[in-house]
Amino acid sequence: MTMTDPVADFLSRIRNAILAKKDEVVCPRSGLKFRIAEILRKEGFIDDVNTGDGCSGQGTISVTLRWQKNRNAIDGLRRVSRPGQQWYVGAKDLPKVRNGLGIAIVSTSKGVMTDKEARKLGVGGEVLCEIW
């Protein structure tokens, strides 16, 4: 079965695991989802990211969630740009999530990065999601 929006599926799996108080999320691997998970690890929202071989040959991504005193490091996440409606912004129009307490993940011509890195490099792109 083909999936229309794999990034939204990845974010929904993380959201559902947080609500179910799970420690780990496993989903099918892709380059974009792995890069998003690496950004979340670097920004301190999750503890670890591992890849493994799946039975279909595609492989899996295993994300270890960060919990502190029965509370998750991710308070909320939202898919911004969808397949039916992409949201492109210039370098000067990049959004600030929760006054800088959260991050926006942007797909630019220089790769997938946070809004802060994109501002520093002076590039705009497609805003994929917001995490706070």
Protein backbone atom coordinates (compact mmCIF):
# COMPACT_ATOMS: atom_id res chain seq x y z
CA MET A 1 0.00 0.00 0.00
CA THR A 2 1.36 3.41 -0.93
CA MET A 3 1.35 6.29 1.50
CA THR A 4 0.35 9.79 0.42
CA ASP A 5 2.22 11.71 3.13
CA PRO A 6 5.01 9.75 4.85
CA VAL A 7 6.17 12.75 6.94
CA ALA A 8 2.68 13.19 8.41
CA ASP A 9 2.62 9.45 9.17
CA PHE A 10 6.00 9.74 10.93
CA LEU A 11 4.82 12.69 13.04
CA SER A 12 1.55 10.91 13.86
CA ARG A 13 3.47 7.84 15.03
CA ILE A 14 5.54 10.03 17.35
CA ARG A 15 2.42 11.83 18.63
CA ASN A 16 0.60 8.53 19.25
CA ALA A 17 3.62 7.05 21.07
CA ILE A 18 3.75 10.11 23.35
CA LEU A 19 0.04 9.80 24.15
CA ALA A 20 0.47 6.06 24.85
CA LYS A 21 3.59 6.80 26.97
CA LYS A 22 5.84 4.55 24.88
CA ASP A 23 9.62 4.74 24.98
CA GLU A 24 10.27 3.90 21.35
CA VAL A 25 8.73 4.45 17.91
CA VAL A 26 9.50 2.26 14.89
CA CYS A 27 8.52 3.30 11.36
CA PRO A 28 9.60 2.67 7.75
CA ARG A 29 12.84 4.38 6.77
CA SER A 30 13.31 7.14 4.23
CA GLY A 31 16.00 9.76 3.85
CA LEU A 32 13.70 12.65 4.72
CA LYS A 33 12.27 10.99 7.84
CA PHE A 34 15.78 10.02 9.00
CA ARG A 35 16.99 13.61 8.55
CA ILE A 36 13.98 14.95 10.51
CA ALA A 37 14.71 12.46 13.30
CA GLU A 38 18.37 13.50 13.36
CA ILE A 39 17.35 17.16 13.70
CA LEU A 40 15.03 16.25 16.58
CA ARG A 41 17.89 14.39 18.29
CA LYS A 42 20.31 17.27 17.78
CA GLU A 43 17.78 19.78 19.17
CA GLY A 44 17.15 17.62 22.27
CA PHE A 45 13.56 16.54 21.58
CA ILE A 46 14.41 12.81 21.36
CA ASP A 47 17.17 10.67 22.87
CA ASP A 48 18.35 8.44 20.03
CA VAL A 49 17.79 7.46 16.39
CA ASN A 50 18.75 4.04 14.98
CA THR A 51 18.22 2.42 11.62
CA GLY A 52 17.70 -1.25 10.99
CA ASP A 53 16.95 -3.67 8.20
CA GLY A 54 13.32 -4.41 7.60
CA CYS A 55 11.78 -7.50 6.07
CA SER A 56 10.68 -5.57 2.96
CA GLY A 57 14.21 -4.31 2.21
CA GLN A 58 13.29 -0.70 2.93
CA GLY A 59 14.51 -0.71 6.53
CA THR A 60 13.20 0.93 9.67
CA ILE A 61 13.91 3.95 11.85
CA SER A 62 13.79 3.46 15.59
CA VAL A 63 13.28 6.67 17.58
CA THR A 64 13.81 6.68 21.36
CA LEU A 65 11.66 9.35 22.99
CA ARG A 66 12.96 11.60 25.77
CA TRP A 67 11.00 11.41 29.03
CA GLN A 68 11.63 13.49 32.18
CA LYS A 69 9.52 12.90 35.29
CA ASN A 70 6.63 11.31 33.34
CA ARG A 71 6.60 14.22 30.85
CA ASN A 72 7.84 14.16 27.26
CA ALA A 73 10.26 16.70 25.80
CA ILE A 74 7.86 17.24 22.86
CA ASP A 75 4.81 19.27 23.92
CA GLY A 76 3.36 19.44 20.42
CA LEU A 77 4.08 18.96 16.75
CA ARG A 78 2.27 20.05 13.63
CA ARG A 79 2.60 19.28 9.93
CA VAL A 80 2.65 22.60 8.08
CA SER A 81 3.24 21.86 4.40
CA ARG A 82 1.12 19.04 3.02
CA PRO A 83 1.13 17.33 -0.40
CA GLY A 84 -1.99 19.24 -1.42
CA GLN A 85 -0.77 22.59 -0.12
CA GLN A 86 2.94 23.33 0.10
CA TRP A 87 4.04 26.35 2.10
CA TYR A 88 7.20 28.01 0.79
CA VAL A 89 8.82 30.96 2.55
CA GLY A 90 11.78 33.19 1.90
CA ALA A 91 14.70 33.54 4.28
CA LYS A 92 13.24 36.68 5.85
CA ASP A 93 9.79 35.13 6.32
CA LEU A 94 10.80 31.96 8.19
CA PRO A 95 8.43 31.38 11.13
CA LYS A 96 9.46 31.55 14.78
CA VAL A 97 7.75 28.73 16.64
CA ARG A 98 6.47 29.71 20.11
CA ASN A 99 8.75 32.79 20.19
CA GLY A 100 11.86 30.68 19.61
CA LEU A 101 11.05 27.91 22.12
CA GLY A 102 10.24 25.48 19.31
CA ILE A 103 11.69 24.75 15.91
CA ALA A 104 10.42 24.68 12.35
CA ILE A 105 11.98 22.07 10.06
CA VAL A 106 12.58 23.48 6.58
CA SER A 107 13.50 21.71 3.35
CA THR A 108 15.87 24.07 1.52
CA SER A 109 18.14 23.87 -1.50
CA LYS A 110 21.00 23.22 0.96
CA GLY A 111 19.19 20.30 2.64
CA VAL A 112 16.74 19.77 5.48
CA MET A 113 17.48 22.01 8.46
CA THR A 114 15.94 24.02 11.28
CA ASP A 115 14.60 27.52 10.82
CA LYS A 116 17.53 28.93 12.83
CA GLU A 117 20.11 27.32 10.53
CA ALA A 118 18.20 28.48 7.44
CA ARG A 119 18.12 32.05 8.78
CA LYS A 120 21.85 31.91 9.43
CA LEU A 121 22.55 30.67 5.88
CA GLY A 122 20.04 33.11 4.38
CA VAL A 123 17.98 30.48 2.54
CA GLY A 124 14.26 29.84 2.43
CA GLY A 125 12.30 26.78 1.45
CA GLU A 126 9.35 24.55 2.23
CA VAL A 127 8.30 24.52 5.89
CA LEU A 128 7.71 20.83 6.66
CA CYS A 129 6.65 20.88 10.31
CA GLU A 130 6.80 22.72 13.62
CA ILE A 131 7.83 21.12 16.92
CA TRP A 132 7.65 22.68 20.38
